[in-house]
């Protein structure tokens, strides 16, 4: 199963040299274990744009969709056998980047594997 580990930041910006070294080491471990699917850092919320094309008008708003004290500044998508393993990996990632993280399972792309929205 795949899980997304989102790095939560409060505006402190890029990690320190020591944090970046710890993140690189964590990334190397994920890759060596065959767990790494995707990783990346995200630009600051002030560089975001929100688009709404539900009515075909293509409205664009500059900035984040919500004003929050914390934002997602990066992520890992990892392979983990179960939630407990994903939580253990997230704890290691949190320690490496010195930030809080959020863990969420990715929904299956297969319609047959998706839970029904109706229950």
Protein backbone atom coordinates (compact mmCIF):
# COMPACT_ATOMS: atom_id res chain seq x y z
CA UNK A 1 0.00 0.00 0.00
CA UNK A 2 1.19 3.54 -0.63
CA UNK A 3 1.13 6.33 1.92
CA UNK A 4 1.78 10.04 1.61
CA UNK A 5 3.84 11.61 4.36
CA UNK A 6 3.31 15.38 4.23
CA UNK A 7 5.80 17.71 5.89
CA UNK A 8 4.05 20.48 7.83
CA UNK A 9 5.88 23.79 8.09
CA UNK A 10 5.07 26.99 9.94
CA UNK A 11 6.97 29.36 7.71
CA UNK A 12 10.45 28.64 8.98
CA UNK A 13 11.60 28.04 5.41
CA UNK A 14 14.28 25.73 4.14
CA UNK A 15 15.84 23.30 6.56
CA UNK A 16 19.17 23.90 8.20
CA UNK A 17 22.30 22.25 6.82
CA UNK A 18 22.00 19.53 9.49
CA UNK A 19 18.31 18.97 8.70
CA UNK A 20 19.02 18.73 4.97
CA UNK A 21 21.76 16.16 5.62
CA UNK A 22 19.37 14.13 7.81
CA UNK A 23 16.66 14.33 5.13
CA UNK A 24 19.13 13.15 2.48
CA UNK A 25 20.10 10.20 4.70
CA UNK A 26 16.42 9.33 5.28
CA UNK A 27 15.75 9.55 1.53
CA UNK A 28 18.72 7.25 0.84
CA UNK A 29 17.38 4.72 3.37
CA UNK A 30 13.89 4.77 1.80
CA UNK A 31 15.43 4.23 -1.63
CA UNK A 32 17.74 1.43 -0.46
CA UNK A 33 14.78 -0.37 1.18
CA UNK A 34 12.71 -0.07 -2.02
CA UNK A 35 10.08 2.03 -0.23
CA UNK A 36 10.50 5.36 -2.04
CA UNK A 37 7.89 6.07 -4.71
CA UNK A 38 8.15 9.86 -4.94
CA UNK A 39 9.51 12.77 -2.93
CA UNK A 40 9.58 16.50 -3.34
CA UNK A 41 9.58 19.90 -1.75
CA UNK A 42 6.89 22.47 -2.46
CA UNK A 43 7.17 26.20 -3.08
CA UNK A 44 5.81 28.58 -0.45
CA UNK A 45 2.01 29.08 -0.37
CA UNK A 46 2.39 32.66 -1.60
CA UNK A 47 3.43 31.15 -4.97
CA UNK A 48 0.26 29.04 -5.24
CA UNK A 49 -2.71 29.58 -7.51
CA UNK A 50 -6.19 28.09 -7.09
CA UNK A 51 -8.21 27.33 -10.21
CA UNK A 52 -11.94 26.68 -10.35
CA UNK A 53 -13.21 25.55 -13.73
CA UNK A 54 -16.34 23.76 -12.52
CA UNK A 55 -18.55 26.15 -14.49
CA UNK A 56 -16.17 26.40 -17.44
CA UNK A 57 -15.12 29.99 -16.62
CA UNK A 58 -11.64 29.05 -15.39
CA UNK A 59 -11.43 31.35 -12.37
CA UNK A 60 -7.89 31.78 -11.01
CA UNK A 61 -7.08 33.09 -7.55
CA UNK A 62 -3.50 33.88 -6.60
CA UNK A 63 -2.25 32.47 -3.30
CA UNK A 64 -3.20 29.41 -1.26
CA UNK A 65 -6.73 28.01 -1.03
CA UNK A 66 -6.76 28.70 2.72
CA UNK A 67 -4.88 30.99 5.08
CA UNK A 68 -3.33 28.72 7.68
CA UNK A 69 -0.50 28.98 10.18
CA UNK A 70 1.01 25.76 8.78
CA UNK A 71 1.30 24.47 5.25
CA UNK A 72 2.62 21.42 3.42
CA UNK A 73 6.22 22.14 2.45
CA UNK A 74 7.16 18.72 1.10
CA UNK A 75 6.14 15.11 0.84
CA UNK A 76 7.19 11.54 0.52
CA UNK A 77 5.11 8.81 -1.08
CA UNK A 78 6.24 5.49 0.31
CA UNK A 79 5.42 1.81 0.02
CA UNK A 80 4.49 0.24 3.36
CA UNK A 81 2.89 -3.09 4.18
CA UNK A 82 0.54 -1.52 6.72
CA UNK A 83 -0.35 1.62 8.66
CA UNK A 84 2.02 0.79 11.52
CA UNK A 85 4.97 0.63 9.11
CA UNK A 86 3.89 3.90 7.51
CA UNK A 87 3.70 5.53 10.94
CA UNK A 88 7.20 4.27 11.79
CA UNK A 89 8.55 5.71 8.53
CA UNK A 90 6.75 8.98 9.18
CA UNK A 91 8.30 9.19 12.66
CA UNK A 92 11.74 8.76 11.08
CA UNK A 93 10.92 11.43 8.48
CA UNK A 94 9.66 13.82 11.15
CA UNK A 95 12.87 13.42 13.09
CA UNK A 96 14.99 13.90 9.96
CA UNK A 97 13.29 17.11 8.82
CA UNK A 98 12.59 18.39 12.35
CA UNK A 99 8.97 19.12 11.45
CA UNK A 100 5.55 17.63 12.16
CA UNK A 101 4.27 15.30 9.45
CA UNK A 102 0.88 13.92 8.45
CA UNK A 103 0.38 10.35 7.16
CA UNK A 104 -2.45 9.42 4.80
CA UNK A 105 -3.05 6.29 2.75
CA UNK A 106 -3.40 6.82 -0.99
CA UNK A 107 -6.64 5.64 -2.49
CA UNK A 108 -6.38 2.84 -5.02
CA UNK A 109 -6.54 3.88 -8.66
CA UNK A 110 -8.65 0.83 -9.47
CA UNK A 111 -12.39 1.48 -9.25
CA UNK A 112 -12.90 -2.06 -7.99
CA UNK A 113 -10.57 -1.39 -5.04
CA UNK A 114 -12.02 1.98 -4.05
CA UNK A 115 -14.35 2.15 -1.04
CA UNK A 116 -17.86 3.16 -1.95
CA UNK A 117 -18.73 6.76 -1.15
CA UNK A 118 -22.19 5.56 -0.23
CA UNK A 119 -20.97 3.11 2.37
